[in-house]
N, C-alpha and C. Protein backbone atom coordinates (compact mmCIF):
# COMPACT_ATOMS: atom_id res chain seq x y z
N MET A 1 -29.53 -16.71 -2.96
CA MET A 1 -28.96 -15.00 -3.51
C MET A 1 -29.74 -14.42 -2.36
N SER A 2 -29.57 -13.49 -1.91
CA SER A 2 -30.25 -12.63 -0.81
C SER A 2 -31.15 -11.36 -1.77
N GLU A 3 -32.20 -11.02 -1.10
CA GLU A 3 -33.28 -10.39 -1.67
C GLU A 3 -32.67 -8.96 -1.56
N LYS A 4 -32.59 -8.04 -2.95
CA LYS A 4 -31.96 -7.31 -3.18
C LYS A 4 -32.64 -5.75 -2.44
N ARG A 5 -31.86 -4.90 -1.94
CA ARG A 5 -32.43 -3.67 -1.09
C ARG A 5 -32.93 -2.75 -1.56
N PHE A 6 -32.36 -2.31 -2.96
CA PHE A 6 -32.46 -0.97 -3.46
C PHE A 6 -33.29 -1.55 -5.01
N TYR A 7 -34.02 -0.53 -5.54
CA TYR A 7 -34.86 -0.83 -6.43
C TYR A 7 -35.46 0.56 -7.13
N LEU A 8 -35.21 0.41 -8.74
CA LEU A 8 -35.73 1.93 -9.21
C LEU A 8 -36.92 1.98 -9.12
N THR A 9 -37.54 3.18 -9.32
CA THR A 9 -38.72 3.75 -9.15
C THR A 9 -38.69 4.99 -10.01
N GLU A 10 -39.84 5.60 -10.65
CA GLU A 10 -39.88 6.81 -11.37
C GLU A 10 -38.94 7.87 -10.89
N ASN A 11 -39.14 8.25 -9.55
CA ASN A 11 -38.60 9.39 -8.73
C ASN A 11 -36.95 8.94 -8.46
N GLY A 12 -37.09 7.74 -8.52
CA GLY A 12 -35.36 7.55 -8.40
C GLY A 12 -34.97 6.40 -7.81
N ILE A 13 -34.33 6.41 -7.17
CA ILE A 13 -33.98 4.77 -6.49
C ILE A 13 -34.43 4.52 -4.94
N GLN A 14 -35.20 3.66 -4.61
CA GLN A 14 -35.81 3.21 -3.51
C GLN A 14 -34.95 2.32 -2.50
N ASP A 15 -34.98 2.53 -1.54
CA ASP A 15 -34.03 1.82 -0.38
C ASP A 15 -35.00 1.17 0.31
N LYS A 16 -35.22 -0.23 0.34
CA LYS A 16 -36.32 -1.17 1.15
C LYS A 16 -35.90 -0.94 2.37
N GLU A 17 -35.18 -0.91 2.98
CA GLU A 17 -34.79 -0.80 4.36
C GLU A 17 -35.28 0.67 5.13
N TYR A 18 -35.50 1.71 4.39
CA TYR A 18 -35.93 2.75 4.76
C TYR A 18 -37.32 3.58 3.72
N GLU A 19 -38.53 2.92 4.08
CA GLU A 19 -39.42 2.96 2.82
C GLU A 19 -39.59 4.33 2.58
N PHE A 20 -39.26 5.58 2.94
CA PHE A 20 -39.26 6.80 2.34
C PHE A 20 -38.42 7.16 1.79
N SER A 21 -37.40 6.59 1.36
CA SER A 21 -35.84 7.24 1.71
C SER A 21 -35.71 6.77 0.18
N LEU A 22 -35.72 8.20 -0.83
CA LEU A 22 -35.66 7.97 -2.42
C LEU A 22 -34.36 8.61 -2.62
N LEU A 23 -33.68 8.30 -3.59
CA LEU A 23 -32.28 8.67 -4.17
C LEU A 23 -32.64 9.15 -5.64
N GLY A 24 -32.47 10.65 -5.65
CA GLY A 24 -32.56 11.38 -7.07
C GLY A 24 -31.20 10.96 -7.81
N GLU A 25 -30.96 11.66 -9.06
CA GLU A 25 -29.65 11.43 -9.84
C GLU A 25 -28.71 12.11 -9.28
N TYR A 26 -28.82 13.16 -8.69
CA TYR A 26 -27.65 14.04 -7.99
C TYR A 26 -26.71 13.36 -6.76
N GLU A 27 -28.19 12.52 -5.91
CA GLU A 27 -27.30 11.81 -4.70
C GLU A 27 -26.98 10.93 -5.11
N LEU A 28 -27.61 10.14 -6.40
CA LEU A 28 -26.66 9.00 -6.77
C LEU A 28 -25.21 9.12 -7.13
N VAL A 29 -25.35 10.23 -7.97
CA VAL A 29 -23.93 10.86 -8.56
C VAL A 29 -23.12 11.03 -7.41
N ASP A 30 -23.34 11.73 -6.12
CA ASP A 30 -22.51 11.92 -5.18
C ASP A 30 -22.19 10.68 -4.32
N ILE A 31 -23.06 9.82 -4.16
CA ILE A 31 -22.75 8.20 -3.63
C ILE A 31 -21.75 7.51 -4.70
N ILE A 32 -21.80 7.58 -6.06
CA ILE A 32 -20.80 7.04 -6.89
C ILE A 32 -19.66 7.65 -6.71
N ASN A 33 -19.69 9.22 -6.75
CA ASN A 33 -18.33 9.81 -7.03
C ASN A 33 -17.55 9.75 -5.49
N GLY A 34 -18.39 9.17 -4.48
CA GLY A 34 -17.72 8.84 -3.11
C GLY A 34 -16.76 7.43 -2.94
N ILE A 35 -17.76 6.57 -3.53
CA ILE A 35 -16.89 5.30 -3.65
C ILE A 35 -15.83 5.18 -4.93
N VAL A 36 -15.83 6.15 -5.78
CA VAL A 36 -14.54 6.47 -6.65
C VAL A 36 -13.70 6.92 -5.75
N ASP A 37 -13.80 8.13 -4.97
CA ASP A 37 -12.70 8.41 -4.47
C ASP A 37 -12.37 7.32 -3.20
N GLU A 38 -12.64 6.63 -2.51
CA GLU A 38 -12.48 5.92 -1.71
C GLU A 38 -11.80 4.77 -2.19
N ASN A 39 -12.25 4.24 -3.39
CA ASN A 39 -11.55 3.48 -4.06
C ASN A 39 -10.16 3.90 -4.72
N GLU A 40 -10.03 4.91 -4.92
CA GLU A 40 -8.61 5.63 -5.38
C GLU A 40 -7.63 5.66 -3.76
N GLN A 41 -8.20 6.00 -2.84
CA GLN A 41 -7.55 5.92 -1.52
C GLN A 41 -7.04 4.82 -1.30
N LEU A 42 -8.01 4.09 -1.63
CA LEU A 42 -7.36 2.38 -1.15
C LEU A 42 -6.33 2.20 -2.34
N ARG A 43 -6.61 2.18 -3.58
CA ARG A 43 -5.65 1.83 -4.29
C ARG A 43 -4.33 2.42 -4.15
N GLN A 44 -4.50 3.58 -3.85
CA GLN A 44 -3.21 4.32 -3.21
C GLN A 44 -2.25 3.78 -2.27
N LYS A 45 -3.25 3.38 -1.08
CA LYS A 45 -2.54 2.69 0.07
C LYS A 45 -2.32 1.19 -0.22
N VAL A 46 -3.06 0.32 -1.07
CA VAL A 46 -2.22 -0.59 -1.20
C VAL A 46 -0.81 -0.38 -2.13
N GLU A 47 -0.95 0.43 -3.24
CA GLU A 47 0.52 0.76 -3.51
C GLU A 47 1.48 1.15 -2.86
N ARG A 48 1.29 1.93 -1.75
CA ARG A 48 2.37 2.02 -0.73
C ARG A 48 2.76 1.10 0.06
N LEU A 49 1.68 0.10 0.59
CA LEU A 49 1.97 -0.94 1.11
C LEU A 49 2.65 -1.89 0.43
N GLN A 50 2.63 -2.22 -0.94
CA GLN A 50 3.21 -3.23 -2.07
C GLN A 50 4.60 -2.59 -1.68
N LYS A 51 4.84 -1.39 -2.36
CA LYS A 51 6.36 -0.51 -2.06
C LYS A 51 6.88 -1.14 -0.98
N GLU A 52 6.41 -0.36 0.29
CA GLU A 52 6.74 -0.56 1.81
C GLU A 52 7.36 -2.48 1.77
N ASN A 53 6.36 -3.19 1.37
CA ASN A 53 6.76 -4.40 1.36
C ASN A 53 7.93 -4.93 0.81
N GLU A 54 7.96 -4.50 -0.56
CA GLU A 54 9.08 -4.79 -1.55
C GLU A 54 10.41 -4.59 -0.73
N GLU A 55 10.47 -2.90 0.09
CA GLU A 55 11.36 -2.66 0.59
C GLU A 55 11.94 -3.31 1.72
N LEU A 56 10.86 -3.96 2.60
CA LEU A 56 11.13 -4.77 3.56
C LEU A 56 11.84 -6.16 3.38
N ARG A 57 10.90 -7.08 2.01
CA ARG A 57 11.69 -7.99 1.50
C ARG A 57 13.03 -8.18 1.33
N GLN A 58 13.38 -6.60 0.40
CA GLN A 58 14.99 -6.56 0.12
C GLN A 58 15.94 -6.33 1.31
N GLN A 59 15.32 -5.29 2.53
CA GLN A 59 16.18 -5.24 3.40
C GLN A 59 16.11 -6.98 4.13
N GLN A 60 15.43 -7.73 4.17
CA GLN A 60 15.61 -8.96 4.73
C GLN A 60 16.69 -9.76 4.14
N GLN A 61 16.34 -10.08 2.76
CA GLN A 61 17.29 -10.35 2.00
C GLN A 61 18.77 -9.87 1.93
N ARG A 62 19.25 -8.68 2.19
CA ARG A 62 20.29 -8.12 2.42
C ARG A 62 20.83 -8.29 3.90
N LEU A 63 20.23 -9.04 4.75
CA LEU A 63 20.27 -9.41 6.24
C LEU A 63 20.78 -10.71 6.14
N PHE A 64 20.03 -11.36 5.35
CA PHE A 64 19.92 -12.63 5.27
C PHE A 64 21.50 -12.86 4.42
N ASN A 65 22.05 -12.15 3.36
CA ASN A 65 22.99 -12.39 2.80
C ASN A 65 24.38 -11.84 3.74
N TYR A 66 24.31 -10.76 4.35
CA TYR A 66 25.29 -10.26 5.32
C TYR A 66 25.61 -11.68 6.36
N PHE A 67 24.35 -12.01 7.19
CA PHE A 67 24.67 -12.94 8.04
C PHE A 67 25.17 -14.56 7.35
N ASN A 68 24.80 -14.51 6.10
CA ASN A 68 25.27 -15.63 5.58
C ASN A 68 26.62 -15.88 5.33
N ASP A 69 27.21 -14.40 4.73
CA ASP A 69 28.60 -14.24 4.66
C ASP A 69 29.38 -14.33 5.70
N TYR A 70 28.91 -13.70 6.63
CA TYR A 70 29.68 -13.36 7.89
C TYR A 70 29.71 -14.99 8.49
N LEU A 71 28.71 -15.92 8.77
CA LEU A 71 28.67 -16.90 9.52
C LEU A 71 29.25 -18.15 8.53
N LYS A 72 29.62 -17.83 7.42
CA LYS A 72 29.64 -19.45 6.77
C LYS A 72 30.52 -20.02 6.77
N ASP A 73 32.26 -19.41 7.53
CA ASP A 73 33.03 -20.29 7.86
C ASP A 73 32.99 -20.94 9.22
N GLU A 74 31.71 -20.51 10.11
CA GLU A 74 31.69 -21.15 11.50
C GLU A 74 30.59 -22.07 11.36
N MET A 75 29.63 -21.91 10.71
CA MET A 75 28.78 -23.25 10.33
C MET A 75 28.38 -23.80 8.75
N ASP A 76 27.69 -24.94 8.85
CA ASP A 76 27.52 -25.17 7.61
C ASP A 76 26.13 -24.69 6.88
N SER A 77 25.68 -25.08 5.58
CA SER A 77 24.47 -23.78 5.11
C SER A 77 22.86 -24.20 5.93
N ASP A 78 23.23 -25.71 6.29
CA ASP A 78 21.72 -26.18 6.43
C ASP A 78 21.42 -25.69 7.91
N ASN A 79 22.78 -25.73 8.84
CA ASN A 79 22.68 -24.90 10.42
C ASN A 79 22.15 -23.44 10.06
N PHE A 80 22.68 -22.97 8.88
CA PHE A 80 22.43 -21.34 8.82
C PHE A 80 21.16 -21.37 8.82
N SER A 81 20.58 -21.76 7.59
CA SER A 81 19.56 -21.94 7.30
C SER A 81 18.30 -22.19 8.23
N GLU A 82 18.60 -23.12 9.32
CA GLU A 82 17.52 -23.29 10.68
C GLU A 82 17.52 -22.21 11.35
N MET A 83 19.01 -21.85 11.78
CA MET A 83 19.34 -20.48 12.66
C MET A 83 18.31 -19.29 11.95
N TRP A 84 18.51 -18.76 10.63
CA TRP A 84 17.69 -17.76 10.12
C TRP A 84 16.16 -17.97 9.93
N ASP A 85 15.38 -19.42 9.99
CA ASP A 85 14.38 -19.32 10.19
C ASP A 85 14.18 -19.30 11.66
N ASN A 86 14.77 -19.39 12.86
CA ASN A 86 14.13 -18.88 13.92
C ASN A 86 14.54 -17.59 14.32
N VAL A 87 15.56 -16.97 13.88
CA VAL A 87 15.37 -15.66 13.87
C VAL A 87 14.16 -14.81 13.20
N LYS A 88 13.89 -15.49 12.14
CA LYS A 88 12.79 -14.82 11.49
C LYS A 88 11.03 -15.03 12.65
N LYS A 89 11.13 -16.23 13.15
CA LYS A 89 10.17 -16.26 14.03
C LYS A 89 10.13 -16.12 15.28
N ASP A 90 11.39 -15.48 15.98
CA ASP A 90 11.64 -14.93 17.08
C ASP A 90 10.87 -13.93 17.53
N GLU A 91 9.88 -13.68 18.16
CA GLU A 91 9.01 -12.43 18.84
C GLU A 91 9.67 -11.32 19.16
N ARG A 92 11.23 -11.34 19.55
CA ARG A 92 11.55 -10.45 20.48
C ARG A 92 12.39 -9.71 19.24
N TRP A 93 12.45 -10.21 17.99
CA TRP A 93 12.89 -9.39 16.88
C TRP A 93 11.67 -8.15 16.55
N ASN A 94 10.68 -8.15 16.66
CA ASN A 94 9.73 -7.57 16.59
C ASN A 94 9.79 -5.87 17.44
N ASP A 95 10.33 -6.28 18.51
CA ASP A 95 10.44 -4.91 19.19
C ASP A 95 11.23 -4.35 18.79
N GLU A 96 10.90 -2.84 19.14
CA GLU A 96 11.73 -1.68 18.49
C GLU A 96 12.38 -0.94 19.67
């Protein structure tokens, strides 16, 4: 395990990297509050991305169902599945 960078002194927290850098209680509280705020922002971003991911998954499923229904008379299911895999991998579909 690596050596610890911070340690506790009578005057606060000492940073080994910056010999004269002391953190008092108020500075420590500010740092912790900043970390909590960043954590909340990241949590909200993850939540938004999860929601967007679910919407995209549903959209993909709708497209799959649509084309499956549309083409089921023209090709068997194995060929359709192979075609669908190719569509998902085709980079041209990423263009907007």
